[in-house]
Amino acid sequence: MRLASPRCSVRGAPSSLPPKARHAGEDSEVVRASVEATALDSDAAEEAAKIMGSLLRIGQQVNALDVLIAGTAVANGAEKIISKDRDYEKIAKVSDLKLEILR
């Protein structure tokens, strides 16, 4: 199963940061080692346009960057988005992507 997880993290966090922030830097390395980065290409842009069109037809407003991330995920065969961002709930309604909301 391919997953897409839009998430920011702290890379190379200095030791002067709080422990939680330092661990985020360590977690970032683990994630980077196990996740393949993909580019926004014409296929991803086309999928994003389909998603945005579907959202607009049902009157849903979603951050355009979230739609680009979802389009990239679809174009690259991802089956699931994992995020804290609730915009993906709307996106999941108009796409084949499954969703896991982190708390």
N, C-alpha and C. Protein backbone atom coordinates (compact mmCIF):
# COMPACT_ATOMS: atom_id res chain seq x y z
N MET A 1 0.85 -1.17 0.00
CA MET A 1 0.00 0.00 0.00
C MET A 1 0.90 1.23 0.00
N ARG A 2 0.64 2.16 -0.91
CA ARG A 2 1.39 3.42 -0.93
C ARG A 2 0.63 4.44 -0.10
N LEU A 3 1.37 5.20 0.69
CA LEU A 3 0.78 6.20 1.56
C LEU A 3 1.35 7.57 1.23
N ALA A 4 0.58 8.59 1.47
CA ALA A 4 1.05 9.96 1.35
C ALA A 4 0.81 10.63 2.69
N SER A 5 1.86 11.22 3.24
CA SER A 5 1.73 11.84 4.54
C SER A 5 2.29 13.25 4.50
N PRO A 6 1.45 14.24 4.20
CA PRO A 6 1.92 15.62 4.20
C PRO A 6 2.20 16.06 5.62
N ARG A 7 3.46 16.26 5.95
CA ARG A 7 3.81 16.58 7.33
C ARG A 7 5.12 17.34 7.33
N CYS A 8 5.17 18.38 8.11
CA CYS A 8 6.41 19.13 8.27
C CYS A 8 7.11 18.62 9.52
N SER A 9 8.42 18.63 9.51
CA SER A 9 9.16 18.21 10.69
C SER A 9 10.44 19.01 10.79
N VAL A 10 11.09 18.89 11.92
CA VAL A 10 12.32 19.62 12.18
C VAL A 10 13.48 18.70 11.87
N ARG A 11 14.31 19.07 10.92
CA ARG A 11 15.45 18.24 10.55
C ARG A 11 16.71 18.82 11.17
N GLY A 12 17.50 17.97 11.81
CA GLY A 12 18.74 18.42 12.42
C GLY A 12 18.49 19.40 13.54
N ALA A 13 17.47 19.15 14.34
CA ALA A 13 17.10 20.07 15.42
C ALA A 13 18.24 20.18 16.43
N PRO A 14 18.68 21.41 16.76
CA PRO A 14 19.76 21.58 17.73
C PRO A 14 19.34 21.15 19.13
N SER A 15 20.32 20.78 19.95
CA SER A 15 20.03 20.28 21.28
C SER A 15 19.44 21.34 22.20
N SER A 16 19.49 22.62 21.81
CA SER A 16 18.91 23.67 22.64
C SER A 16 17.39 23.71 22.53
N LEU A 17 16.84 22.98 21.57
CA LEU A 17 15.39 22.92 21.43
C LEU A 17 14.79 22.00 22.49
N PRO A 18 13.50 22.20 22.80
CA PRO A 18 12.83 21.30 23.74
C PRO A 18 12.90 19.85 23.24
N PRO A 19 12.84 18.87 24.16
CA PRO A 19 12.96 17.46 23.76
C PRO A 19 12.00 17.04 22.66
N LYS A 20 10.75 17.53 22.71
CA LYS A 20 9.78 17.14 21.69
C LYS A 20 10.25 17.58 20.30
N ALA A 21 10.82 18.78 20.20
CA ALA A 21 11.31 19.28 18.91
C ALA A 21 12.53 18.49 18.45
N ARG A 22 13.41 18.12 19.39
CA ARG A 22 14.58 17.31 19.01
C ARG A 22 14.13 15.96 18.46
N HIS A 23 13.13 15.35 19.10
CA HIS A 23 12.64 14.06 18.62
C HIS A 23 12.01 14.19 17.24
N ALA A 24 11.40 15.33 16.97
CA ALA A 24 10.82 15.55 15.64
C ALA A 24 11.91 15.46 14.58
N GLY A 25 13.10 15.99 14.89
CA GLY A 25 14.22 15.90 13.96
C GLY A 25 14.64 14.46 13.73
N GLU A 26 14.67 13.67 14.80
CA GLU A 26 15.01 12.25 14.68
C GLU A 26 13.94 11.51 13.90
N ASP A 27 12.68 11.81 14.20
CA ASP A 27 11.58 11.18 13.48
C ASP A 27 11.65 11.50 11.99
N SER A 28 12.07 12.72 11.69
CA SER A 28 12.18 13.15 10.30
C SER A 28 13.13 12.24 9.53
N GLU A 29 14.24 11.89 10.15
CA GLU A 29 15.21 11.02 9.48
C GLU A 29 14.62 9.63 9.23
N VAL A 30 13.87 9.12 10.18
CA VAL A 30 13.23 7.81 10.02
C VAL A 30 12.23 7.86 8.87
N VAL A 31 11.42 8.91 8.84
CA VAL A 31 10.43 9.05 7.78
C VAL A 31 11.11 9.20 6.43
N ARG A 32 12.13 10.05 6.35
CA ARG A 32 12.82 10.29 5.08
C ARG A 32 13.45 9.00 4.54
N ALA A 33 13.89 8.13 5.43
CA ALA A 33 14.52 6.88 5.00
C ALA A 33 13.51 5.89 4.46
N SER A 34 12.24 6.06 4.81
CA SER A 34 11.24 5.07 4.42
C SER A 34 10.18 5.60 3.45
N VAL A 35 10.27 6.87 3.06
CA VAL A 35 9.27 7.48 2.19
C VAL A 35 9.94 7.97 0.92
N GLU A 36 9.30 7.70 -0.18
CA GLU A 36 9.80 8.15 -1.48
C GLU A 36 9.21 9.53 -1.79
N ALA A 37 10.07 10.51 -2.07
CA ALA A 37 9.61 11.85 -2.45
C ALA A 37 9.19 11.83 -3.91
N THR A 38 8.11 12.52 -4.22
CA THR A 38 7.63 12.59 -5.61
C THR A 38 7.45 14.04 -6.00
N ALA A 39 7.59 14.30 -7.27
CA ALA A 39 7.49 15.67 -7.78
C ALA A 39 6.08 15.96 -8.30
N LEU A 40 5.77 17.23 -8.35
CA LEU A 40 4.52 17.66 -8.97
C LEU A 40 4.77 17.71 -10.48
N ASP A 41 4.19 16.76 -11.19
CA ASP A 41 4.35 16.72 -12.64
C ASP A 41 3.00 16.94 -13.30
N SER A 42 2.94 16.81 -14.61
CA SER A 42 1.69 17.09 -15.32
C SER A 42 0.58 16.10 -14.94
N ASP A 43 0.93 14.85 -14.67
CA ASP A 43 -0.09 13.88 -14.23
C ASP A 43 -0.67 14.28 -12.88
N ALA A 44 0.20 14.70 -11.97
CA ALA A 44 -0.25 15.13 -10.64
C ALA A 44 -1.12 16.38 -10.74
N ALA A 45 -0.71 17.31 -11.61
CA ALA A 45 -1.49 18.54 -11.79
C ALA A 45 -2.87 18.22 -12.38
N GLU A 46 -2.92 17.27 -13.30
CA GLU A 46 -4.20 16.87 -13.89
C GLU A 46 -5.12 16.24 -12.83
N GLU A 47 -4.57 15.37 -12.00
CA GLU A 47 -5.36 14.75 -10.93
C GLU A 47 -5.84 15.81 -9.94
N ALA A 48 -4.97 16.77 -9.62
CA ALA A 48 -5.35 17.85 -8.70
C ALA A 48 -6.49 18.68 -9.30
N ALA A 49 -6.41 18.93 -10.60
CA ALA A 49 -7.47 19.70 -11.27
C ALA A 49 -8.81 18.96 -11.21
N LYS A 50 -8.77 17.64 -11.38
CA LYS A 50 -10.00 16.84 -11.28
C LYS A 50 -10.59 16.94 -9.87
N ILE A 51 -9.71 16.83 -8.87
CA ILE A 51 -10.16 16.90 -7.48
C ILE A 51 -10.75 18.28 -7.19
N MET A 52 -10.05 19.34 -7.60
CA MET A 52 -10.53 20.70 -7.35
C MET A 52 -11.85 20.93 -8.06
N GLY A 53 -11.97 20.46 -9.29
CA GLY A 53 -13.23 20.61 -10.02
C GLY A 53 -14.38 19.93 -9.30
N SER A 54 -14.14 18.73 -8.81
CA SER A 54 -15.18 18.00 -8.07
C SER A 54 -15.57 18.74 -6.80
N LEU A 55 -14.58 19.28 -6.10
CA LEU A 55 -14.86 20.04 -4.87
C LEU A 55 -15.67 21.29 -5.17
N LEU A 56 -15.30 22.01 -6.22
CA LEU A 56 -16.02 23.24 -6.58
C LEU A 56 -17.46 22.94 -6.99
N ARG A 57 -17.67 21.82 -7.69
CA ARG A 57 -19.03 21.45 -8.10
C ARG A 57 -19.95 21.20 -6.91
N ILE A 58 -19.39 20.74 -5.80
CA ILE A 58 -20.24 20.50 -4.62
C ILE A 58 -20.13 21.63 -3.59
N GLY A 59 -19.48 22.73 -4.00
CA GLY A 59 -19.42 23.91 -3.15
C GLY A 59 -18.46 23.83 -1.98
N GLN A 60 -17.45 22.99 -2.07
CA GLN A 60 -16.47 22.84 -0.99
C GLN A 60 -15.20 23.63 -1.30
N GLN A 61 -14.75 24.41 -0.33
CA GLN A 61 -13.49 25.14 -0.48
C GLN A 61 -12.41 24.41 0.30
N VAL A 62 -11.28 24.18 -0.36
CA VAL A 62 -10.15 23.49 0.25
C VAL A 62 -8.89 24.22 -0.16
N ASN A 63 -7.90 24.23 0.72
CA ASN A 63 -6.62 24.84 0.42
C ASN A 63 -6.04 24.21 -0.85
N ALA A 64 -5.63 25.05 -1.78
CA ALA A 64 -5.12 24.57 -3.07
C ALA A 64 -3.88 23.68 -2.90
N LEU A 65 -3.04 23.97 -1.91
CA LEU A 65 -1.86 23.14 -1.70
C LEU A 65 -2.25 21.72 -1.28
N ASP A 66 -3.29 21.61 -0.46
CA ASP A 66 -3.78 20.28 -0.07
C ASP A 66 -4.27 19.50 -1.29
N VAL A 67 -4.91 20.20 -2.21
CA VAL A 67 -5.39 19.56 -3.44
C VAL A 67 -4.21 19.12 -4.30
N LEU A 68 -3.16 19.92 -4.37
CA LEU A 68 -1.96 19.53 -5.13
C LEU A 68 -1.30 18.30 -4.51
N ILE A 69 -1.24 18.26 -3.19
CA ILE A 69 -0.68 17.09 -2.50
C ILE A 69 -1.52 15.86 -2.81
N ALA A 70 -2.83 15.99 -2.73
CA ALA A 70 -3.72 14.86 -3.02
C ALA A 70 -3.58 14.42 -4.48
N GLY A 71 -3.50 15.38 -5.39
CA GLY A 71 -3.32 15.05 -6.81
C GLY A 71 -2.02 14.30 -7.05
N THR A 72 -0.97 14.72 -6.37
CA THR A 72 0.32 14.04 -6.49
C THR A 72 0.22 12.62 -5.94
N ALA A 73 -0.49 12.48 -4.82
CA ALA A 73 -0.68 11.16 -4.23
C ALA A 73 -1.43 10.23 -5.20
N VAL A 74 -2.52 10.71 -5.76
CA VAL A 74 -3.31 9.90 -6.70
C VAL A 74 -2.47 9.52 -7.92
N ALA A 75 -1.76 10.50 -8.49
CA ALA A 75 -0.97 10.25 -9.70
C ALA A 75 0.14 9.24 -9.47
N ASN A 76 0.58 9.12 -8.22
CA ASN A 76 1.67 8.20 -7.91
C ASN A 76 1.20 6.91 -7.25
N GLY A 77 -0.11 6.66 -7.31
CA GLY A 77 -0.63 5.39 -6.85
C GLY A 77 -0.85 5.24 -5.36
N ALA A 78 -0.84 6.34 -4.62
CA ALA A 78 -1.11 6.25 -3.18
C ALA A 78 -2.56 5.85 -2.96
N GLU A 79 -2.78 5.09 -1.92
CA GLU A 79 -4.14 4.66 -1.59
C GLU A 79 -4.69 5.42 -0.40
N LYS A 80 -3.81 6.06 0.37
CA LYS A 80 -4.23 6.65 1.63
C LYS A 80 -3.44 7.91 1.93
N ILE A 81 -4.13 8.91 2.49
CA ILE A 81 -3.50 10.13 2.99
C ILE A 81 -3.56 10.07 4.51
N ILE A 82 -2.45 10.37 5.15
CA ILE A 82 -2.38 10.43 6.61
C ILE A 82 -2.03 11.86 6.97
N SER A 83 -2.90 12.53 7.73
CA SER A 83 -2.68 13.95 8.02
C SER A 83 -3.46 14.38 9.25
N LYS A 84 -3.07 15.52 9.78
CA LYS A 84 -3.85 16.18 10.84
C LYS A 84 -4.81 17.20 10.24
N ASP A 85 -4.65 17.47 8.96
CA ASP A 85 -5.40 18.51 8.26
C ASP A 85 -6.78 18.00 7.85
N ARG A 86 -7.81 18.60 8.35
CA ARG A 86 -9.18 18.15 8.09
C ARG A 86 -9.65 18.46 6.66
N ASP A 87 -8.92 19.28 5.90
CA ASP A 87 -9.29 19.51 4.50
C ASP A 87 -9.32 18.20 3.72
N TYR A 88 -8.51 17.25 4.14
CA TYR A 88 -8.45 15.98 3.42
C TYR A 88 -9.73 15.17 3.57
N GLU A 89 -10.55 15.48 4.58
CA GLU A 89 -11.85 14.81 4.69
C GLU A 89 -12.72 15.16 3.48
N LYS A 90 -12.68 16.43 3.08
CA LYS A 90 -13.44 16.87 1.91
C LYS A 90 -12.87 16.23 0.64
N ILE A 91 -11.54 16.19 0.55
CA ILE A 91 -10.88 15.61 -0.62
C ILE A 91 -11.21 14.13 -0.74
N ALA A 92 -11.23 13.42 0.37
CA ALA A 92 -11.52 11.98 0.35
C ALA A 92 -12.93 11.70 -0.17
N LYS A 93 -13.84 12.65 0.01
CA LYS A 93 -15.22 12.47 -0.47
C LYS A 93 -15.32 12.49 -1.99
N VAL A 94 -14.36 13.14 -2.66
CA VAL A 94 -14.44 13.28 -4.12
C VAL A 94 -13.32 12.53 -4.84
N SER A 95 -12.56 11.73 -4.11
CA SER A 95 -11.46 10.97 -4.73
C SER A 95 -11.48 9.54 -4.21
N ASP A 96 -10.61 8.73 -4.76
CA ASP A 96 -10.50 7.34 -4.31
C ASP A 96 -9.54 7.18 -3.13
N LEU A 97 -8.98 8.30 -2.65
CA LEU A 97 -8.04 8.22 -1.53
C LEU A 97 -8.76 7.91 -0.22
N LYS A 98 -8.17 7.01 0.55
CA LYS A 98 -8.64 6.78 1.91
C LYS A 98 -7.94 7.80 2.79
N LEU A 99 -8.46 8.00 3.98
CA LEU A 99 -7.93 9.05 4.85
C LEU A 99 -7.77 8.53 6.26
N GLU A 100 -6.65 8.92 6.87
CA GLU A 100 -6.46 8.69 8.31
C GLU A 100 -6.10 10.04 8.93
N ILE A 101 -6.96 10.51 9.82
CA ILE A 101 -6.71 11.78 10.51
C ILE A 101 -5.94 11.49 11.79
N LEU A 102 -4.79 12.13 11.94
CA LEU A 102 -3.99 12.00 13.16
C LEU A 102 -4.50 12.98 14.19
N ARG A 103 -4.42 12.61 15.42
CA ARG A 103 -4.84 13.51 16.51
C ARG A 103 -3.65 13.97 17.28
